[in-house]
Amino acid sequence: MNEVNEEVLSEVNEEVLSEVIEEMLSEVIEEVLSEVNEEVLSKITEIIKKRHFLSACNDEKLEYKMARRN
């Protein structure tokens, strides 16, 4: 009877441990993805700002050239 109890406990412990590990991995994956998403969003925002700046510079150059022609 004692062996049966130990075997059942061992199986239960493995199952519980498996569930705990799965939950922990899920949390870690969520956290990593969140950080990656924030970094990607930051890079995209930076690129958009640079493009707006370059576009504004090009607009000013074009206005300057047009003014010089007239």
Protein backbone atom coordinates (compact mmCIF):
# COMPACT_ATOMS: atom_id res chain seq x y z
CA MET A 1 0.00 0.00 0.00
CA ASN A 2 2.84 2.33 0.83
CA GLU A 3 4.37 1.81 -2.63
CA VAL A 4 1.07 2.66 -4.29
CA ASN A 5 0.80 5.88 -2.27
CA GLU A 6 4.36 6.84 -3.21
CA GLU A 7 3.69 6.12 -6.87
CA VAL A 8 0.48 8.17 -6.86
CA LEU A 9 2.24 11.01 -5.06
CA SER A 10 5.09 10.87 -7.55
CA GLU A 11 2.66 11.10 -10.48
CA VAL A 12 0.75 13.95 -8.83
CA ASN A 13 4.00 15.78 -8.10
CA GLU A 14 5.14 15.40 -11.71
CA GLU A 15 1.80 16.69 -12.98
CA VAL A 16 1.81 19.65 -10.59
CA LEU A 17 5.43 20.42 -11.44
CA SER A 18 4.63 20.26 -15.14
CA GLU A 19 1.73 22.70 -14.69
CA VAL A 20 3.86 25.07 -12.62
CA ILE A 21 6.64 25.01 -15.22
CA GLU A 22 4.13 25.61 -18.01
CA GLU A 23 2.65 28.59 -16.15
CA MET A 24 6.09 30.05 -15.42
CA LEU A 25 7.16 29.67 -19.05
CA SER A 26 3.96 31.32 -20.18
CA GLU A 27 4.62 34.30 -17.91
CA VAL A 28 8.24 34.59 -19.07
CA ILE A 29 7.20 34.41 -22.72
CA GLU A 30 4.57 37.13 -22.16
CA GLU A 31 7.11 39.37 -20.44
CA VAL A 32 9.72 38.88 -23.17
CA LEU A 33 7.18 39.54 -25.91
CA SER A 34 6.03 42.67 -24.12
CA GLU A 35 9.60 43.98 -23.95
CA VAL A 36 10.22 43.08 -27.59
CA ASN A 37 6.98 44.77 -28.64
CA GLU A 38 7.93 47.93 -26.73
CA GLU A 39 11.37 47.96 -28.35
CA VAL A 40 9.93 47.38 -31.83
CA LEU A 41 7.33 50.10 -31.29
CA SER A 42 10.06 52.47 -30.12
CA LYS A 43 12.13 51.76 -33.26
CA ILE A 44 9.11 52.24 -35.52
CA THR A 45 8.32 55.56 -33.80
CA GLU A 46 11.94 56.65 -34.23
CA ILE A 47 11.87 55.79 -37.95
CA ILE A 48 8.59 57.67 -38.45
CA LYS A 49 10.00 60.75 -36.70
CA LYS A 50 13.11 60.64 -38.90
CA ARG A 51 10.99 60.30 -42.03
CA HIS A 52 8.82 63.25 -41.02
CA PHE A 53 11.95 65.30 -40.35
CA LEU A 54 13.51 64.34 -43.70
CA SER A 55 10.24 65.04 -45.47
CA ALA A 56 10.07 68.49 -43.86
CA CYS A 57 13.69 69.16 -44.89
CA ASN A 58 12.91 68.12 -48.47
CA ASP A 59 9.84 70.37 -48.50
CA GLU A 60 11.96 73.31 -47.34
CA LYS A 61 14.60 72.58 -49.99
CA LEU A 62 11.92 72.42 -52.66
CA GLU A 63 10.38 75.71 -51.48
CA TYR A 64 13.84 77.32 -51.47
CA LYS A 65 14.57 76.10 -55.02
CA MET A 66 11.18 77.28 -56.25
CA ALA A 67 11.69 80.69 -54.63
CA ARG A 68 15.11 81.04 -56.26
CA ARG A 69 13.67 80.23 -59.70
CA ASN A 70 11.04 82.92 -59.41
